[in-house]
Amino acid sequence: MIKLNFSHPNSKLEGFTNHQLHVDLADIQLEEKIIAYLLPLVGDGSEPVTIVSPGLAHLGLLVLTAIHGLTGHFPLVIAMKKGDDGFFPLPAVNLQEYRNSCVRISREGLTVL
């Protein structure tokens, strides 16, 4: 089993590897960078993956999973970034499109017609 900790390092998390990440949510290449970072860690799907999510991200994961289960697809998500005049929205990320692009990358030899 692959065990990834994206929260703070904690000695009680046995068998987890720590991955402390900071990202620029406005980076137009962020989605591709995430795929490149995770692909060698999660492999080909032959092993289950367990993650420890940071802080309130756990709530976000549960909400996204519930929306996917209820509607059959992932929602658009908008991140907020702090600027000089307060927080402002970044462009929406289409999670369903992003999910589909990850599938195409992770399945070696996949033919798309």
PDB file of N, CA and C in Angstrom:
ATOM      1  N   MET A   1       0.843  -1.175   0.000  1.00  0.00           N
ATOM      2  CA  MET A   1       0.000   0.000   0.000  1.00  0.00           C
ATOM      3  C   MET A   1       0.895   1.247   0.000  1.00  0.00           C
ATOM      4  N   ILE A   2       0.522   2.204  -0.805  1.00  0.00           N
ATOM      5  CA  ILE A   2       1.251   3.466  -0.895  1.00  0.00           C
ATOM      6  C   ILE A   2       0.643   4.423   0.127  1.00  0.00           C
ATOM      7  N   LYS A   3       1.485   4.997   1.005  1.00  0.00           N
ATOM      8  CA  LYS A   3       1.007   5.882   2.064  1.00  0.00           C
ATOM      9  C   LYS A   3       1.714   7.229   1.944  1.00  0.00           C
ATOM     10  N   LEU A   4       0.945   8.273   1.642  1.00  0.00           N
ATOM     11  CA  LEU A   4       1.493   9.609   1.424  1.00  0.00           C
ATOM     12  C   LEU A   4       0.929  10.582   2.442  1.00  0.00           C
ATOM     13  N   ASN A   5       1.807  11.309   3.123  1.00  0.00           N
ATOM     14  CA  ASN A   5       1.377  12.311   4.093  1.00  0.00           C
ATOM     15  C   ASN A   5       1.594  13.701   3.506  1.00  0.00           C
ATOM     16  N   PHE A   6       0.506  14.414   3.236  1.00  0.00           N
ATOM     17  CA  PHE A   6       0.575  15.788   2.737  1.00  0.00           C
ATOM     18  C   PHE A   6       0.334  16.791   3.866  1.00  0.00           C
ATOM     19  N   SER A   7       0.195  16.295   5.099  1.00  0.00           N
ATOM     20  CA  SER A   7       0.031  17.154   6.258  1.00  0.00           C
ATOM     21  C   SER A   7       1.399  17.331   6.920  1.00  0.00           C
ATOM     22  N   HIS A   8       1.402  17.765   8.163  1.00  0.00           N
ATOM     23  CA  HIS A   8       2.660  17.940   8.879  1.00  0.00           C
ATOM     24  C   HIS A   8       3.259  16.582   9.219  1.00  0.00           C
ATOM     25  N   PRO A   9       4.586  16.460   9.199  1.00  0.00           N
ATOM     26  CA  PRO A   9       5.200  15.193   9.613  1.00  0.00           C
ATOM     27  C   PRO A   9       4.741  14.817  11.023  1.00  0.00           C
ATOM     28  N   ASN A  10       4.485  13.530  11.224  1.00  0.00           N
ATOM     29  CA  ASN A  10       3.994  13.060  12.505  1.00  0.00           C
ATOM     30  C   ASN A  10       4.495  11.639  12.710  1.00  0.00           C
ATOM     31  N   SER A  11       5.214  11.420  13.805  1.00  0.00           N
ATOM     32  CA  SER A  11       5.811  10.105  14.067  1.00  0.00           C
ATOM     33  C   SER A  11       4.762   9.014  14.281  1.00  0.00           C
ATOM     34  N   LYS A  12       3.517   9.381  14.537  1.00  0.00           N
ATOM     35  CA  LYS A  12       2.455   8.389  14.725  1.00  0.00           C
ATOM     36  C   LYS A  12       1.943   7.826  13.399  1.00  0.00           C
ATOM     37  N   LEU A  13       2.341   8.448  12.292  1.00  0.00           N
ATOM     38  CA  LEU A  13       1.927   7.966  10.969  1.00  0.00           C
ATOM     39  C   LEU A  13       2.950   6.943  10.484  1.00  0.00           C
ATOM     40  N   GLU A  14       2.746   5.709  10.842  1.00  0.00           N
ATOM     41  CA  GLU A  14       3.698   4.653  10.496  1.00  0.00           C
ATOM     42  C   GLU A  14       3.602   4.263   9.026  1.00  0.00           C
ATOM     43  N   GLY A  15       4.744   4.229   8.363  1.00  0.00           N
ATOM     44  CA  GLY A  15       4.810   3.794   6.976  1.00  0.00           C
ATOM     45  C   GLY A  15       4.493   4.862   5.952  1.00  0.00           C
ATOM     46  N   PHE A  16       4.176   6.068   6.388  1.00  0.00           N
ATOM     47  CA  PHE A  16       3.863   7.160   5.474  1.00  0.00           C
ATOM     48  C   PHE A  16       5.129   7.910   5.086  1.00  0.00           C
ATOM     49  N   THR A  17       5.198   8.341   3.830  1.00  0.00           N
ATOM     50  CA  THR A  17       6.272   9.238   3.420  1.00  0.00           C
ATOM     51  C   THR A  17       5.717  10.654   3.423  1.00  0.00           C
ATOM     52  N   ASN A  18       6.527  11.589   3.901  1.00  0.00           N
ATOM     53  CA  ASN A  18       6.097  12.983   4.026  1.00  0.00           C
ATOM     54  C   ASN A  18       6.334  13.746   2.734  1.00  0.00           C
ATOM     55  N   HIS A  19       5.341  14.499   2.323  1.00  0.00           N
ATOM     56  CA  HIS A  19       5.415  15.327   1.113  1.00  0.00           C
ATOM     57  C   HIS A  19       4.840  16.694   1.454  1.00  0.00           C
ATOM     58  N   GLN A  20       5.715  17.599   1.841  1.00  0.00           N
ATOM     59  CA  GLN A  20       5.290  18.953   2.194  1.00  0.00           C
ATOM     60  C   GLN A  20       5.306  19.793   0.923  1.00  0.00           C
ATOM     61  N   LEU A  21       4.163  20.251   0.490  1.00  0.00           N
ATOM     62  CA  LEU A  21       4.054  20.979  -0.777  1.00  0.00           C
ATOM     63  C   LEU A  21       3.559  22.393  -0.552  1.00  0.00           C
ATOM     64  N   HIS A  22       4.136  23.302  -1.298  1.00  0.00           N
ATOM     65  CA  HIS A  22       3.614  24.662  -1.418  1.00  0.00           C
ATOM     66  C   HIS A  22       3.470  24.923  -2.904  1.00  0.00           C
ATOM     67  N   VAL A  23       2.375  25.527  -3.296  1.00  0.00           N
ATOM     68  CA  VAL A  23       2.132  25.767  -4.718  1.00  0.00           C
ATOM     69  C   VAL A  23       1.640  27.187  -4.942  1.00  0.00           C
ATOM     70  N   ASP A  24       1.791  27.627  -6.157  1.00  0.00           N
ATOM     71  CA  ASP A  24       1.223  28.903  -6.587  1.00  0.00           C
ATOM     72  C   ASP A  24      -0.059  28.558  -7.324  1.00  0.00           C
ATOM     73  N   LEU A  25      -1.199  28.833  -6.695  1.00  0.00           N
ATOM     74  CA  LEU A  25      -2.483  28.457  -7.289  1.00  0.00           C
ATOM     75  C   LEU A  25      -2.743  29.166  -8.613  1.00  0.00           C
ATOM     76  N   ALA A  26      -2.040  30.268  -8.864  1.00  0.00           N
ATOM     77  CA  ALA A  26      -2.220  30.996 -10.123  1.00  0.00           C
ATOM     78  C   ALA A  26      -1.313  30.480 -11.228  1.00  0.00           C
ATOM     79  N   ASP A  27      -0.450  29.525 -10.934  1.00  0.00           N
ATOM     80  CA  ASP A  27       0.464  28.961 -11.926  1.00  0.00           C
ATOM     81  C   ASP A  27      -0.340  28.204 -12.986  1.00  0.00           C
ATOM     82  N   ILE A  28      -0.243  28.632 -14.235  1.00  0.00           N
ATOM     83  CA  ILE A  28      -1.029  27.984 -15.292  1.00  0.00           C
ATOM     84  C   ILE A  28      -0.557  26.566 -15.584  1.00  0.00           C
ATOM     85  N   GLN A  29       0.612  26.188 -15.082  1.00  0.00           N
ATOM     86  CA  GLN A  29       1.119  24.827 -15.271  1.00  0.00           C
ATOM     87  C   GLN A  29       0.928  23.957 -14.032  1.00  0.00           C
ATOM     88  N   LEU A  30       0.187  24.451 -13.045  1.00  0.00           N
ATOM     89  CA  LEU A  30       0.045  23.723 -11.787  1.00  0.00           C
ATOM     90  C   LEU A  30      -0.528  22.321 -11.986  1.00  0.00           C
ATOM     91  N   GLU A  31      -1.549  22.192 -12.803  1.00  0.00           N
ATOM     92  CA  GLU A  31      -2.164  20.874 -12.999  1.00  0.00           C
ATOM     93  C   GLU A  31      -1.155  19.879 -13.558  1.00  0.00           C
ATOM     94  N   GLU A  32      -0.365  20.294 -14.534  1.00  0.00           N
ATOM     95  CA  GLU A  32       0.648  19.415 -15.120  1.00  0.00           C
ATOM     96  C   GLU A  32       1.740  19.093 -14.100  1.00  0.00           C
ATOM     97  N   LYS A  33       2.105  20.073 -13.274  1.00  0.00           N
ATOM     98  CA  LYS A  33       3.137  19.852 -12.248  1.00  0.00           C
ATOM     99  C   LYS A  33       2.662  18.838 -11.207  1.00  0.00           C
ATOM    100  N   ILE A  34       1.382  18.901 -10.857  1.00  0.00           N
ATOM    101  CA  ILE A  34       0.834  17.944  -9.886  1.00  0.00           C
ATOM    102  C   ILE A  34       0.889  16.530 -10.457  1.00  0.00           C
ATOM    103  N   ILE A  35       0.487  16.373 -11.709  1.00  0.00           N
ATOM    104  CA  ILE A  35       0.545  15.058 -12.347  1.00  0.00           C
ATOM    105  C   ILE A  35       1.976  14.541 -12.351  1.00  0.00           C
ATOM    106  N   ALA A  36       2.925  15.376 -12.767  1.00  0.00           N
ATOM    107  CA  ALA A  36       4.333  14.965 -12.842  1.00  0.00           C
ATOM    108  C   ALA A  36       4.861  14.582 -11.462  1.00  0.00           C
ATOM    109  N   TYR A  37       4.422  15.273 -10.427  1.00  0.00           N
ATOM    110  CA  TYR A  37       4.875  14.978  -9.066  1.00  0.00           C
ATOM    111  C   TYR A  37       4.287  13.657  -8.562  1.00  0.00           C
ATOM    112  N   LEU A  38       2.989  13.458  -8.797  1.00  0.00           N
ATOM    113  CA  LEU A  38       2.301  12.297  -8.238  1.00  0.00           C
ATOM    114  C   LEU A  38       2.513  10.998  -9.008  1.00  0.00           C
ATOM    115  N   LEU A  39       2.669  11.073 -10.309  1.00  0.00           N
ATOM    116  CA  LEU A  39       2.744   9.854 -11.123  1.00  0.00           C
ATOM    117  C   LEU A  39       3.796   8.858 -10.621  1.00  0.00           C
ATOM    118  N   PRO A  40       5.033   9.300 -10.336  1.00  0.00           N
ATOM    119  CA  PRO A  40       5.993   8.315  -9.824  1.00  0.00           C
ATOM    120  C   PRO A  40       5.670   7.818  -8.412  1.00  0.00           C
ATOM    121  N   LEU A  41       4.894   8.580  -7.671  1.00  0.00           N
ATOM    122  CA  LEU A  41       4.554   8.177  -6.298  1.00  0.00           C
ATOM    123  C   LEU A  41       3.429   7.164  -6.258  1.00  0.00           C
ATOM    124  N   VAL A  42       2.416   7.323  -7.109  1.00  0.00           N
ATOM    125  CA  VAL A  42       1.228   6.467  -7.030  1.00  0.00           C
ATOM    126  C   VAL A  42       1.274   5.276  -7.982  1.00  0.00           C
ATOM    127  N   GLY A  43       2.184   5.297  -8.929  1.00  0.00           N
ATOM    128  CA  GLY A  43       2.343   4.152  -9.818  1.00  0.00           C
ATOM    129  C   GLY A  43       1.193   3.952 -10.779  1.00  0.00           C
ATOM    130  N   ASP A  44       0.945   2.695 -11.097  1.00  0.00           N
ATOM    131  CA  ASP A  44      -0.003   2.348 -12.161  1.00  0.00           C
ATOM    132  C   ASP A  44      -1.382   1.959 -11.659  1.00  0.00           C
ATOM    133  N   GLY A  45      -1.642   2.157 -10.376  1.00  0.00           N
ATOM    134  CA  GLY A  45      -2.948   1.811  -9.828  1.00  0.00           C
ATOM    135  C   GLY A  45      -3.038   0.391  -9.315  1.00  0.00           C
ATOM    136  N   SER A  46      -1.939  -0.357  -9.346  1.00  0.00           N
ATOM    137  CA  SER A  46      -1.972  -1.735  -8.877  1.00  0.00           C
ATOM    138  C   SER A  46      -1.945  -1.826  -7.350  1.00  0.00           C
ATOM    139  N   GLU A  47      -1.588  -0.720  -6.680  1.00  0.00           N
ATOM    140  CA  GLU A  47      -1.592  -0.684  -5.219  1.00  0.00           C
ATOM    141  C   GLU A  47      -2.558   0.394  -4.741  1.00  0.00           C
ATOM    142  N   PRO A  48      -3.274   0.132  -3.649  1.00  0.00           N
ATOM    143  CA  PRO A  48      -4.124   1.187  -3.101  1.00  0.00           C
ATOM    144  C   PRO A  48      -3.269   2.333  -2.561  1.00  0.00           C
ATOM    145  N   VAL A  49      -3.813   3.544  -2.605  1.00  0.00           N
ATOM    146  CA  VAL A  49      -3.112   4.726  -2.107  1.00  0.00           C
ATOM    147  C   VAL A  49      -3.898   5.288  -0.931  1.00  0.00           C
ATOM    148  N   THR A  50      -3.184   5.563   0.160  1.00  0.00           N
ATOM    149  CA  THR A  50      -3.769   6.212   1.323  1.00  0.00           C
ATOM    150  C   THR A  50      -3.068   7.546   1.493  1.00  0.00           C
ATOM    151  N   ILE A  51      -3.849   8.626   1.714  1.00  0.00           N
ATOM    152  CA  ILE A  51      -3.238   9.935   1.930  1.00  0.00           C
ATOM    153  C   ILE A  51      -3.694  10.518   3.255  1.00  0.00           C
ATOM    154  N   VAL A  52      -2.835  11.340   3.826  1.00  0.00           N
ATOM    155  CA  VAL A  52      -3.204  12.183   4.958  1.00  0.00           C
ATOM    156  C   VAL A  52      -3.301  13.579   4.372  1.00  0.00           C
ATOM    157  N   SER A  53      -4.487  14.175   4.462  1.00  0.00           N
ATOM    158  CA  SER A  53      -4.690  15.503   3.891  1.00  0.00           C
ATOM    159  C   SER A  53      -4.425  16.563   4.956  1.00  0.00           C
ATOM    160  N   PRO A  54      -3.954  17.724   4.526  1.00  0.00           N
ATOM    161  CA  PRO A  54      -3.671  18.785   5.493  1.00  0.00           C
ATOM    162  C   PRO A  54      -4.939  19.512   5.935  1.00  0.00           C
ATOM    163  N   GLY A  55      -5.036  19.809   7.202  1.00  0.00           N
ATOM    164  CA  GLY A  55      -6.075  20.657   7.770  1.00  0.00           C
ATOM    165  C   GLY A  55      -7.466  20.471   7.207  1.00  0.00           C
ATOM    166  N   LEU A  56      -8.081  21.586   6.815  1.00  0.00           N
ATOM    167  CA  LEU A  56      -9.446  21.562   6.303  1.00  0.00           C
ATOM    168  C   LEU A  56      -9.561  20.943   4.909  1.00  0.00           C
ATOM    169  N   ALA A  57      -8.442  20.599   4.312  1.00  0.00           N
ATOM    170  CA  ALA A  57      -8.507  19.932   3.013  1.00  0.00           C
ATOM    171  C   ALA A  57      -9.314  18.647   3.112  1.00  0.00           C
ATOM    172  N   HIS A  58      -9.313  18.027   4.282  1.00  0.00           N
ATOM    173  CA  HIS A  58     -10.079  16.794   4.468  1.00  0.00           C
ATOM    174  C   HIS A  58     -11.560  17.033   4.195  1.00  0.00           C
ATOM    175  N   LEU A  59     -12.082  18.136   4.677  1.00  0.00           N
ATOM    176  CA  LEU A  59     -13.477  18.480   4.412  1.00  0.00           C
ATOM    177  C   LEU A  59     -13.698  18.674   2.915  1.00  0.00           C
ATOM    178  N   GLY A  60     -12.782  19.371   2.258  1.00  0.00           N
ATOM    179  CA  GLY A  60     -12.886  19.583   0.812  1.00  0.00           C
ATOM    180  C   GLY A  60     -12.906  18.267   0.052  1.00  0.00           C
ATOM    181  N   LEU A  61     -12.072  17.320   0.458  1.00  0.00           N
ATOM    182  CA  LEU A  61     -12.042  16.011  -0.202  1.00  0.00           C
ATOM    183  C   LEU A  61     -13.366  15.280  -0.046  1.00  0.00           C
ATOM    184  N   LEU A  62     -13.932  15.343   1.150  1.00  0.00           N
ATOM    185  CA  LEU A  62     -15.223  14.685   1.383  1.00  0.00           C
ATOM    186  C   LEU A  62     -16.328  15.330   0.552  1.00  0.00           C
ATOM    187  N   VAL A  63     -16.333  16.665   0.490  1.00  0.00           N
ATOM    188  CA  VAL A  63     -17.344  17.362  -0.301  1.00  0.00           C
ATOM    189  C   VAL A  63     -17.205  17.013  -1.785  1.00  0.00           C
ATOM    190  N   LEU A  64     -15.980  17.035  -2.317  1.00  0.00           N
ATOM    191  CA  LEU A  64     -15.761  16.688  -3.725  1.00  0.00           C
ATOM    192  C   LEU A  64     -16.205  15.264  -4.024  1.00  0.00           C
ATOM    193  N   THR A  65     -15.859  14.350  -3.131  1.00  0.00           N
ATOM    194  CA  THR A  65     -16.239  12.954  -3.336  1.00  0.00           C
ATOM    195  C   THR A  65     -17.756  12.794  -3.307  1.00  0.00           C
ATOM    196  N   ALA A  66     -18.430  13.474  -2.386  1.00  0.00           N
ATOM    197  CA  ALA A  66     -19.893  13.392  -2.310  1.00  0.00           C
ATOM    198  C   ALA A  66     -20.535  13.974  -3.563  1.00  0.00           C
ATOM    199  N   ILE A  67     -20.040  15.117  -4.035  1.00  0.00           N
ATOM    200  CA  ILE A  67     -20.597  15.717  -5.249  1.00  0.00           C
ATOM    201  C   ILE A  67     -20.399  14.784  -6.436  1.00  0.00           C
ATOM    202  N   HIS A  68     -19.222  14.177  -6.526  1.00  0.00           N
ATOM    203  CA  HIS A  68     -18.975  13.227  -7.616  1.00  0.00           C
ATOM    204  C   HIS A  68     -19.939  12.053  -7.522  1.00  0.00           C
ATOM    205  N   GLY A  69     -20.139  11.529  -6.322  1.00  0.00           N
ATOM    206  CA  GLY A  69     -21.047  10.400  -6.144  1.00  0.00           C
ATOM    207  C   GLY A  69     -22.492  10.744  -6.462  1.00  0.00           C
ATOM    208  N   LEU A  70     -22.912  11.943  -6.093  1.00  0.00           N
ATOM    209  CA  LEU A  70     -24.297  12.353  -6.309  1.00  0.00           C
ATOM    210  C   LEU A  70     -24.597  12.753  -7.744  1.00  0.00           C
ATOM    211  N   THR A  71     -23.606  13.311  -8.439  1.00  0.00           N
ATOM    212  CA  THR A  71     -23.862  13.839  -9.785  1.00  0.00           C
ATOM    213  C   THR A  71     -23.210  13.031 -10.901  1.00  0.00           C
ATOM    214  N   GLY A  72     -22.224  12.205 -10.549  1.00  0.00           N
ATOM    215  CA  GLY A  72     -21.529  11.422 -11.573  1.00  0.00           C
ATOM    216  C   GLY A  72     -20.345  12.138 -12.200  1.00  0.00           C
ATOM    217  N   HIS A  73     -20.054  13.357 -11.760  1.00  0.00           N
ATOM    218  CA  HIS A  73     -18.876  14.054 -12.271  1.00  0.00           C
ATOM    219  C   HIS A  73     -18.360  15.034 -11.220  1.00  0.00           C
ATOM    220  N   PHE A  74     -17.115  15.423 -11.391  1.00  0.00           N
ATOM    221  CA  PHE A  74     -16.501  16.357 -10.456  1.00  0.00           C
ATOM    222  C   PHE A  74     -16.960  17.780 -10.748  1.00  0.00           C
ATOM    223  N   PRO A  75     -17.021  18.630  -9.718  1.00  0.00           N
ATOM    224  CA  PRO A  75     -17.436  20.019  -9.925  1.00  0.00           C
ATOM    225  C   PRO A  75     -16.272  20.886 -10.424  1.00  0.00           C
ATOM    226  N   LEU A  76     -16.629  22.067 -10.889  1.00  0.00           N
ATOM    227  CA  LEU A  76     -15.620  23.096 -11.124  1.00  0.00           C
ATOM    228  C   LEU A  76     -15.219  23.620  -9.747  1.00  0.00           C
ATOM    229  N   VAL A  77     -13.954  23.954  -9.566  1.00  0.00           N
ATOM    230  CA  VAL A  77     -13.525  24.525  -8.287  1.00  0.00           C
ATOM    231  C   VAL A  77     -12.789  25.832  -8.525  1.00  0.00           C
ATOM    232  N   ILE A  78     -12.977  26.738  -7.601  1.00  0.00           N
ATOM    233  CA  ILE A  78     -12.342  28.053  -7.694  1.00  0.00           C
ATOM    234  C   ILE A  78     -11.524  28.278  -6.429  1.00  0.00           C
ATOM    235  N   ALA A  79     -10.258  28.607  -6.613  1.00  0.00           N
ATOM    236  CA  ALA A  79      -9.391  28.956  -5.487  1.00  0.00           C
ATOM    237  C   ALA A  79      -9.411  30.472  -5.324  1.00  0.00           C
ATOM    238  N   MET A  80      -9.236  30.911  -4.095  1.00  0.00           N
ATOM    239  CA  MET A  80      -9.153  32.339  -3.808  1.00  0.00           C
ATOM    240  C   MET A  80      -7.697  32.664  -3.470  1.00  0.00           C
ATOM    241  N   LYS A  81      -7.218  33.781  -3.993  1.00  0.00           N
ATOM    242  CA  LYS A  81      -5.837  34.211  -3.744  1.00  0.00           C
ATOM    243  C   LYS A  81      -5.853  35.583  -3.105  1.00  0.00           C
ATOM    244  N   LYS A  82      -4.985  35.766  -2.118  1.00  0.00           N
ATOM    245  CA  LYS A  82      -4.929  37.052  -1.430  1.00  0.00           C
ATOM    246  C   LYS A  82      -4.121  38.042  -2.247  1.00  0.00           C
ATOM    247  N   GLY A  83      -4.696  39.207  -2.458  1.00  0.00           N
ATOM    248  CA  GLY A  83      -4.027  40.288  -3.160  1.00  0.00           C
ATOM    249  C   GLY A  83      -3.962  41.520  -2.280  1.00  0.00           C
ATOM    250  N   ASP A  84      -3.524  42.611  -2.831  1.00  0.00           N
ATOM    251  CA  ASP A  84      -3.403  43.864  -2.080  1.00  0.00           C
ATOM    252  C   ASP A  84      -4.748  44.367  -1.574  1.00  0.00           C
ATOM    253  N   ASP A  85      -5.811  44.103  -2.325  1.00  0.00           N
ATOM    254  CA  ASP A  85      -7.148  44.587  -1.969  1.00  0.00           C
ATOM    255  C   ASP A  85      -8.044  43.484  -1.412  1.00  0.00           C
ATOM    256  N   GLY A  86      -7.447  42.462  -0.814  1.00  0.00           N
ATOM    257  CA  GLY A  86      -8.230  41.350  -0.275  1.00  0.00           C
ATOM    258  C   GLY A  86      -8.130  40.130  -1.177  1.00  0.00           C
ATOM    259  N   PHE A  87      -9.031  39.194  -0.992  1.00  0.00           N
ATOM    260  CA  PHE A  87      -9.011  37.953  -1.762  1.00  0.00           C
ATOM    261  C   PHE A  87      -9.760  38.122  -3.079  1.00  0.00           C
ATOM    262  N   PHE A  88      -9.252  37.448  -4.114  1.00  0.00           N
ATOM    263  CA  PHE A  88      -9.930  37.476  -5.410  1.00  0.00           C
ATOM    264  C   PHE A  88      -9.922  36.060  -5.984  1.00  0.00           C
ATOM    265  N   PRO A  89     -10.923  35.727  -6.817  1.00  0.00           N
ATOM    266  CA  PRO A  89     -11.013  34.371  -7.365  1.00  0.00           C
ATOM    267  C   PRO A  89     -10.056  34.156  -8.529  1.00  0.00           C
ATOM    268  N   LEU A  90      -9.481  32.971  -8.557  1.00  0.00           N
ATOM    269  CA  LEU A  90      -8.681  32.537  -9.705  1.00  0.00           C
ATOM    270  C   LEU A  90      -9.610  31.851 -10.695  1.00  0.00           C
ATOM    271  N   PRO A  91      -9.166  31.625 -11.923  1.00  0.00           N
ATOM    272  CA  PRO A  91     -10.027  30.917 -12.882  1.00  0.00           C
ATOM    273  C   PRO A  91     -10.428  29.534 -12.365  1.00  0.00           C
ATOM    274  N   ALA A  92     -11.618  29.110 -12.707  1.00  0.00           N
ATOM    275  CA  ALA A  92     -12.127  27.809 -12.270  1.00  0.00           C
ATOM    276  C   ALA A  92     -11.313  26.678 -12.889  1.00  0.00           C
ATOM    277  N   VAL A  93     -11.136  25.630 -12.115  1.00  0.00           N
ATOM    278  CA  VAL A  93     -10.488  24.410 -12.602  1.00  0.00           C
ATOM    279  C   VAL A  93     -11.592  23.387 -12.824  1.00  0.00           C
ATOM    280  N   ASN A  94     -11.635  22.826 -14.029  1.00  0.00           N
ATOM    281  CA  ASN A  94     -12.619  21.804 -14.357  1.00  0.00           C
ATOM    282  C   ASN A  94     -12.053  20.461 -13.902  1.00  0.00           C
ATOM    283  N   LEU A  95     -12.472  20.004 -12.731  1.00  0.00           N
ATOM    284  CA  LEU A  95     -11.921  18.770 -12.174  1.00  0.00           C
ATOM    285  C   LEU A  95     -12.243  17.545 -13.020  1.00  0.00           C
ATOM    286  N   GLN A  96     -13.387  17.512 -13.667  1.00  0.00           N
ATOM    287  CA  GLN A  96     -13.722  16.358 -14.505  1.00  0.00           C
ATOM    288  C   GLN A  96     -12.773  16.283 -15.696  1.00  0.00           C
ATOM    289  N   GLU A  97     -12.527  17.424 -16.327  1.00  0.00           N
ATOM    290  CA  GLU A  97     -11.571  17.467 -17.437  1.00  0.00           C
ATOM    291  C   GLU A  97     -10.182  17.065 -16.963  1.00  0.00           C
ATOM    292  N   TYR A  98      -9.797  17.583 -15.802  1.00  0.00           N
ATOM    293  CA  TYR A  98      -8.490  17.279 -15.229  1.00  0.00           C
ATOM    294  C   TYR A  98      -8.381  15.787 -14.917  1.00  0.00           C
ATOM    295  N   ARG A  99      -9.406  15.214 -14.338  1.00  0.00           N
ATOM    296  CA  ARG A  99      -9.436  13.773 -14.058  1.00  0.00           C
ATOM    297  C   ARG A  99      -9.256  12.979 -15.341  1.00  0.00           C
ATOM    298  N   ASN A 100      -9.980  13.381 -16.385  1.00  0.00           N
ATOM    299  CA  ASN A 100      -9.887  12.673 -17.657  1.00  0.00           C
ATOM    300  C   ASN A 100      -8.486  12.788 -18.251  1.00  0.00           C
ATOM    301  N   SER A 101      -7.831  13.924 -18.101  1.00  0.00           N
ATOM    302  CA  SER A 101      -6.477  14.080 -18.640  1.00  0.00           C
ATOM    303  C   SER A 101      -5.484  13.214 -17.878  1.00  0.00           C
ATOM    304  N   CYS A 102      -5.710  13.025 -16.578  1.00  0.00           N
ATOM    305  CA  CYS A 102      -4.826  12.158 -15.785  1.00  0.00           C
ATOM    306  C   CYS A 102      -4.975  10.706 -16.195  1.00  0.00           C
ATOM    307  N   VAL A 103      -6.191  10.294 -16.518  1.00  0.00           N
ATOM    308  CA  VAL A 103      -6.424   8.911 -16.947  1.00  0.00           C
ATOM    309  C   VAL A 103      -5.637   8.621 -18.224  1.00  0.00           C
ATOM    310  N   ARG A 104      -5.657   9.551 -19.137  1.00  0.00           N
ATOM    311  CA  ARG A 104      -4.958   9.353 -20.410  1.00  0.00           C
ATOM    312  C   ARG A 104      -3.446   9.226 -20.205  1.00  0.00           C
ATOM    313  N   ILE A 105      -2.917   9.952 -19.243  1.00  0.00           N
ATOM    314  CA  ILE A 105      -1.469   9.914 -18.988  1.00  0.00           C
ATOM    315  C   ILE A 105      -1.086   8.638 -18.246  1.00  0.00           C
ATOM    316  N   SER A 106      -1.896   8.228 -17.300  1.00  0.00           N
ATOM    317  CA  SER A 106      -1.508   7.139 -16.420  1.00  0.00           C
ATOM    318  C   SER A 106      -1.717   5.745 -17.028  1.00  0.00           C
ATOM    319  N   ARG A 107      -2.444   5.645 -18.093  1.00  0.00           N
ATOM    320  CA  ARG A 107      -2.684   4.329 -18.705  1.00  0.00           C
ATOM    321  C   ARG A 107      -1.810   4.157 -19.932  1.00  0.00           C
ATOM    322  N   GLU A 108      -0.657   3.576 -19.703  1.00  0.00           N
ATOM    323  CA  GLU A 108       0.286   3.352 -20.791  1.00  0.00           C
ATOM    324  C   GLU A 108      -0.326   2.455 -21.863  1.00  0.00           C
ATOM    325  N   GLY A 109      -0.150   2.830 -23.101  1.00  0.00           N
ATOM    326  CA  GLY A 109      -0.649   2.014 -24.188  1.00  0.00           C
ATOM    327  C   GLY A 109      -2.127   2.165 -24.472  1.00  0.00           C
ATOM    328  N   LEU A 110      -2.796   3.085 -23.774  1.00  0.00           N
ATOM    329  CA  LEU A 110      -4.222   3.298 -23.975  1.00  0.00           C
ATOM    330  C   LEU A 110      -4.471   3.918 -25.349  1.00  0.00           C
ATOM    331  N   THR A 111      -5.394   3.358 -26.090  1.00  0.00           N
ATOM    332  CA  THR A 111      -5.786   3.910 -27.385  1.00  0.00           C
ATOM    333  C   THR A 111      -7.069   4.672 -27.207  1.00  0.00           C
ATOM    334  N   VAL A 112      -7.063   5.943 -27.600  1.00  0.00           N
ATOM    335  CA  VAL A 112      -8.249   6.779 -27.522  1.00  0.00           C
ATOM    336  C   VAL A 112      -8.777   6.973 -28.929  1.00  0.00           C
ATOM    337  N   LEU A 113     -10.005   6.546 -29.181  1.00  0.00           N
ATOM    338  CA  LEU A 113     -10.605   6.655 -30.523  1.00  0.00           C
ATOM    339  C   LEU A 113     -11.490   7.864 -30.609  1.00  0.00           C
TER     340      LEU A 113
END
